[in-house]
N, C-alpha and C. Protein backbone atom coordinates (compact mmCIF):
# COMPACT_ATOMS: atom_id res chain seq x y z
N MET A 1 21.26 4.01 29.54
CA MET A 1 21.06 3.48 28.21
C MET A 1 21.12 1.96 28.27
N LYS A 2 20.26 1.34 27.49
CA LYS A 2 20.35 -0.10 27.37
C LYS A 2 20.41 -0.46 25.90
N GLU A 3 21.08 -1.57 25.61
CA GLU A 3 21.21 -1.99 24.23
C GLU A 3 19.99 -2.81 23.82
N CYS A 4 19.60 -2.66 22.57
CA CYS A 4 18.51 -3.48 22.07
C CYS A 4 18.77 -3.79 20.61
N LYS A 5 18.40 -4.97 20.20
CA LYS A 5 18.54 -5.38 18.80
C LYS A 5 17.41 -4.79 17.98
N THR A 6 17.67 -4.58 16.71
CA THR A 6 16.60 -4.11 15.85
C THR A 6 15.54 -5.19 15.76
N LYS A 7 14.31 -4.79 15.64
CA LYS A 7 13.23 -5.76 15.56
C LYS A 7 12.89 -6.10 14.12
N LYS A 8 13.02 -5.13 13.23
CA LYS A 8 12.68 -5.38 11.84
C LYS A 8 13.59 -4.57 10.93
N VAL A 9 14.14 -5.24 9.94
CA VAL A 9 14.98 -4.59 8.94
C VAL A 9 14.20 -4.57 7.64
N ILE A 10 14.14 -3.42 7.01
CA ILE A 10 13.47 -3.29 5.72
C ILE A 10 14.52 -2.87 4.70
N LEU A 11 14.64 -3.65 3.65
CA LEU A 11 15.59 -3.32 2.60
C LEU A 11 15.01 -2.23 1.72
N GLY A 12 15.84 -1.25 1.37
CA GLY A 12 15.36 -0.10 0.63
C GLY A 12 15.47 -0.25 -0.88
N SER A 13 14.53 0.34 -1.58
CA SER A 13 14.53 0.30 -3.04
C SER A 13 15.56 1.26 -3.63
N GLU A 14 16.20 2.06 -2.80
CA GLU A 14 17.24 2.97 -3.28
C GLU A 14 18.64 2.41 -3.01
N ASP A 15 18.70 1.20 -2.47
CA ASP A 15 19.97 0.58 -2.11
C ASP A 15 20.30 -0.57 -3.06
N TYR A 16 21.59 -0.68 -3.39
CA TYR A 16 22.05 -1.63 -4.40
C TYR A 16 23.27 -2.40 -3.92
N VAL A 17 23.45 -3.59 -4.48
CA VAL A 17 24.64 -4.40 -4.23
C VAL A 17 25.17 -4.88 -5.58
N ILE A 18 26.42 -5.30 -5.56
CA ILE A 18 27.02 -5.86 -6.76
C ILE A 18 27.09 -7.37 -6.60
N LEU A 19 26.52 -8.06 -7.58
CA LEU A 19 26.51 -9.52 -7.57
C LEU A 19 27.44 -10.04 -8.66
N TYR A 20 28.03 -11.19 -8.39
CA TYR A 20 28.81 -11.90 -9.39
C TYR A 20 28.18 -13.26 -9.56
N LYS A 21 27.64 -13.50 -10.72
CA LYS A 21 26.95 -14.75 -11.02
C LYS A 21 25.88 -15.06 -9.97
N GLY A 22 25.14 -14.03 -9.57
CA GLY A 22 24.02 -14.19 -8.66
C GLY A 22 24.36 -14.21 -7.18
N GLU A 23 25.64 -14.09 -6.84
CA GLU A 23 26.08 -14.06 -5.44
C GLU A 23 26.77 -12.74 -5.15
N PRO A 24 26.71 -12.27 -3.89
CA PRO A 24 27.38 -11.01 -3.55
C PRO A 24 28.87 -11.08 -3.89
N SER A 25 29.37 -10.05 -4.55
CA SER A 25 30.79 -10.01 -4.88
C SER A 25 31.60 -9.28 -3.80
N GLU A 26 30.90 -8.71 -2.83
CA GLU A 26 31.54 -8.00 -1.73
C GLU A 26 30.92 -8.49 -0.42
N PRO A 27 31.55 -8.19 0.71
CA PRO A 27 30.95 -8.59 1.99
C PRO A 27 29.52 -8.06 2.11
N LEU A 28 28.70 -8.75 2.88
CA LEU A 28 27.28 -8.39 2.99
C LEU A 28 27.05 -7.01 3.59
N ASP A 29 28.06 -6.44 4.25
CA ASP A 29 27.87 -5.10 4.82
C ASP A 29 28.15 -3.99 3.80
N VAL A 30 28.48 -4.35 2.57
CA VAL A 30 28.71 -3.35 1.53
C VAL A 30 27.43 -3.20 0.70
N ILE A 31 26.73 -2.11 0.97
CA ILE A 31 25.47 -1.80 0.30
C ILE A 31 25.58 -0.34 -0.15
N TYR A 32 25.25 -0.08 -1.41
CA TYR A 32 25.40 1.24 -1.98
C TYR A 32 24.04 1.92 -2.15
N HIS A 33 23.97 3.19 -1.79
CA HIS A 33 22.80 4.01 -2.13
C HIS A 33 22.90 4.30 -3.63
N PHE A 34 21.77 4.46 -4.30
CA PHE A 34 21.80 4.65 -5.75
C PHE A 34 22.67 5.84 -6.16
N THR A 35 22.75 6.85 -5.32
CA THR A 35 23.58 8.01 -5.66
C THR A 35 25.07 7.63 -5.68
N SER A 36 25.46 6.69 -4.86
CA SER A 36 26.84 6.21 -4.86
C SER A 36 27.14 5.45 -6.14
N ILE A 37 26.18 4.67 -6.61
CA ILE A 37 26.37 3.94 -7.87
C ILE A 37 26.52 4.93 -9.02
N ILE A 38 25.68 5.95 -9.05
CA ILE A 38 25.77 6.98 -10.10
C ILE A 38 27.14 7.65 -10.06
N GLU A 39 27.59 7.99 -8.86
CA GLU A 39 28.91 8.62 -8.70
C GLU A 39 30.02 7.67 -9.17
N MET A 40 29.91 6.40 -8.82
CA MET A 40 30.93 5.43 -9.23
C MET A 40 31.00 5.30 -10.75
N VAL A 41 29.87 5.39 -11.41
CA VAL A 41 29.83 5.30 -12.87
C VAL A 41 30.34 6.59 -13.50
N ASN A 42 29.82 7.72 -13.06
CA ASN A 42 30.15 9.01 -13.68
C ASN A 42 31.55 9.50 -13.35
N ASP A 43 31.95 9.38 -12.09
CA ASP A 43 33.21 9.97 -11.65
C ASP A 43 34.39 9.00 -11.67
N ARG A 44 34.10 7.73 -11.48
CA ARG A 44 35.19 6.76 -11.37
C ARG A 44 35.19 5.74 -12.50
N GLY A 45 34.23 5.86 -13.40
CA GLY A 45 34.19 4.94 -14.53
C GLY A 45 33.99 3.49 -14.12
N LEU A 46 33.07 3.26 -13.21
CA LEU A 46 32.80 1.90 -12.75
C LEU A 46 32.68 0.95 -13.93
N SER A 47 33.44 -0.09 -13.88
CA SER A 47 33.42 -1.09 -14.93
C SER A 47 33.19 -2.44 -14.26
N LEU A 48 32.12 -3.09 -14.65
CA LEU A 48 31.80 -4.39 -14.06
C LEU A 48 32.49 -5.50 -14.84
N ALA A 49 32.94 -6.51 -14.11
CA ALA A 49 33.55 -7.68 -14.75
C ALA A 49 32.45 -8.53 -15.37
N GLU A 50 32.84 -9.40 -16.26
CA GLU A 50 31.87 -10.31 -16.85
C GLU A 50 31.22 -11.13 -15.73
N GLY A 51 29.91 -11.19 -15.73
CA GLY A 51 29.19 -11.92 -14.69
C GLY A 51 28.76 -11.06 -13.52
N GLU A 52 29.25 -9.80 -13.47
CA GLU A 52 28.86 -8.89 -12.39
C GLU A 52 27.68 -8.04 -12.83
N GLU A 53 26.84 -7.69 -11.86
CA GLU A 53 25.71 -6.81 -12.12
C GLU A 53 25.36 -6.04 -10.86
N VAL A 54 24.81 -4.85 -11.05
CA VAL A 54 24.34 -4.03 -9.94
C VAL A 54 22.84 -4.32 -9.80
N VAL A 55 22.42 -4.71 -8.58
CA VAL A 55 21.04 -5.13 -8.38
C VAL A 55 20.44 -4.40 -7.18
N CYS A 56 19.22 -3.93 -7.34
CA CYS A 56 18.48 -3.29 -6.26
C CYS A 56 18.20 -4.30 -5.16
N MET A 57 18.33 -3.88 -3.93
CA MET A 57 18.10 -4.78 -2.79
C MET A 57 16.72 -5.43 -2.83
N THR A 58 15.72 -4.68 -3.29
CA THR A 58 14.36 -5.23 -3.31
C THR A 58 14.12 -6.17 -4.48
N GLU A 59 15.07 -6.26 -5.40
CA GLU A 59 14.94 -7.17 -6.53
C GLU A 59 15.78 -8.42 -6.37
N LEU A 60 16.47 -8.55 -5.24
CA LEU A 60 17.23 -9.76 -4.96
C LEU A 60 16.29 -10.93 -4.71
N SER A 61 16.79 -12.13 -4.89
CA SER A 61 15.99 -13.31 -4.54
C SER A 61 15.65 -13.24 -3.05
N GLN A 62 14.60 -13.91 -2.66
CA GLN A 62 14.21 -13.90 -1.25
C GLN A 62 15.33 -14.46 -0.37
N GLU A 63 16.04 -15.46 -0.88
CA GLU A 63 17.16 -16.05 -0.13
C GLU A 63 18.25 -15.01 0.14
N LEU A 64 18.62 -14.25 -0.89
CA LEU A 64 19.63 -13.22 -0.69
C LEU A 64 19.12 -12.10 0.21
N GLN A 65 17.87 -11.69 0.04
CA GLN A 65 17.31 -10.67 0.93
C GLN A 65 17.39 -11.14 2.38
N ASP A 66 17.05 -12.39 2.62
CA ASP A 66 17.11 -12.94 3.98
C ASP A 66 18.54 -12.94 4.52
N ARG A 67 19.51 -13.25 3.68
CA ARG A 67 20.92 -13.23 4.12
C ARG A 67 21.35 -11.82 4.50
N TYR A 68 20.97 -10.85 3.69
CA TYR A 68 21.32 -9.46 4.01
C TYR A 68 20.63 -9.01 5.29
N ILE A 69 19.35 -9.33 5.44
CA ILE A 69 18.63 -8.93 6.65
C ILE A 69 19.25 -9.57 7.88
N LYS A 70 19.60 -10.83 7.79
CA LYS A 70 20.23 -11.52 8.92
C LYS A 70 21.55 -10.85 9.27
N ASP A 71 22.36 -10.54 8.26
CA ASP A 71 23.65 -9.90 8.51
C ASP A 71 23.48 -8.52 9.14
N ILE A 72 22.56 -7.73 8.62
CA ILE A 72 22.31 -6.40 9.17
C ILE A 72 21.84 -6.50 10.61
N THR A 73 20.94 -7.41 10.87
CA THR A 73 20.40 -7.58 12.22
C THR A 73 21.47 -8.02 13.20
N GLU A 74 22.32 -8.95 12.79
CA GLU A 74 23.36 -9.46 13.68
C GLU A 74 24.47 -8.44 13.93
N ARG A 75 24.74 -7.57 12.98
CA ARG A 75 25.80 -6.57 13.12
C ARG A 75 25.39 -5.35 13.91
N ASN A 76 24.12 -5.03 13.92
CA ASN A 76 23.69 -3.76 14.49
C ASN A 76 23.06 -3.92 15.86
N THR A 77 23.59 -3.16 16.78
CA THR A 77 23.01 -3.03 18.11
C THR A 77 22.82 -1.54 18.32
N PHE A 78 21.64 -1.16 18.72
CA PHE A 78 21.33 0.25 18.93
C PHE A 78 21.19 0.56 20.40
N LYS A 79 21.59 1.74 20.76
CA LYS A 79 21.47 2.20 22.14
C LYS A 79 20.12 2.88 22.32
N GLU A 80 19.41 2.46 23.33
CA GLU A 80 18.12 3.09 23.65
C GLU A 80 18.40 4.23 24.61
N VAL A 81 18.03 5.42 24.25
CA VAL A 81 18.29 6.60 25.07
C VAL A 81 17.02 6.95 25.84
N LYS A 82 17.18 7.17 27.13
CA LYS A 82 16.02 7.54 27.95
C LYS A 82 16.11 8.98 28.36
């Protein structure tokens, strides 16, 4: 096996983050699938603070999308299996 970096990261339209005043309110590795957001609202009574919002990854500014892509790329190393 050899390690290889991902070549391309695509942000999903089913993935969401929580922003506070337009900036991530959690570390960049915290990304929620839409079903997790629904569960957080229905089962845990998710309550956002003033200035917080849940935003789809594909609706983030290009700058934020680039930050998330850079973080994902730098954190992930995949094993190539032969």
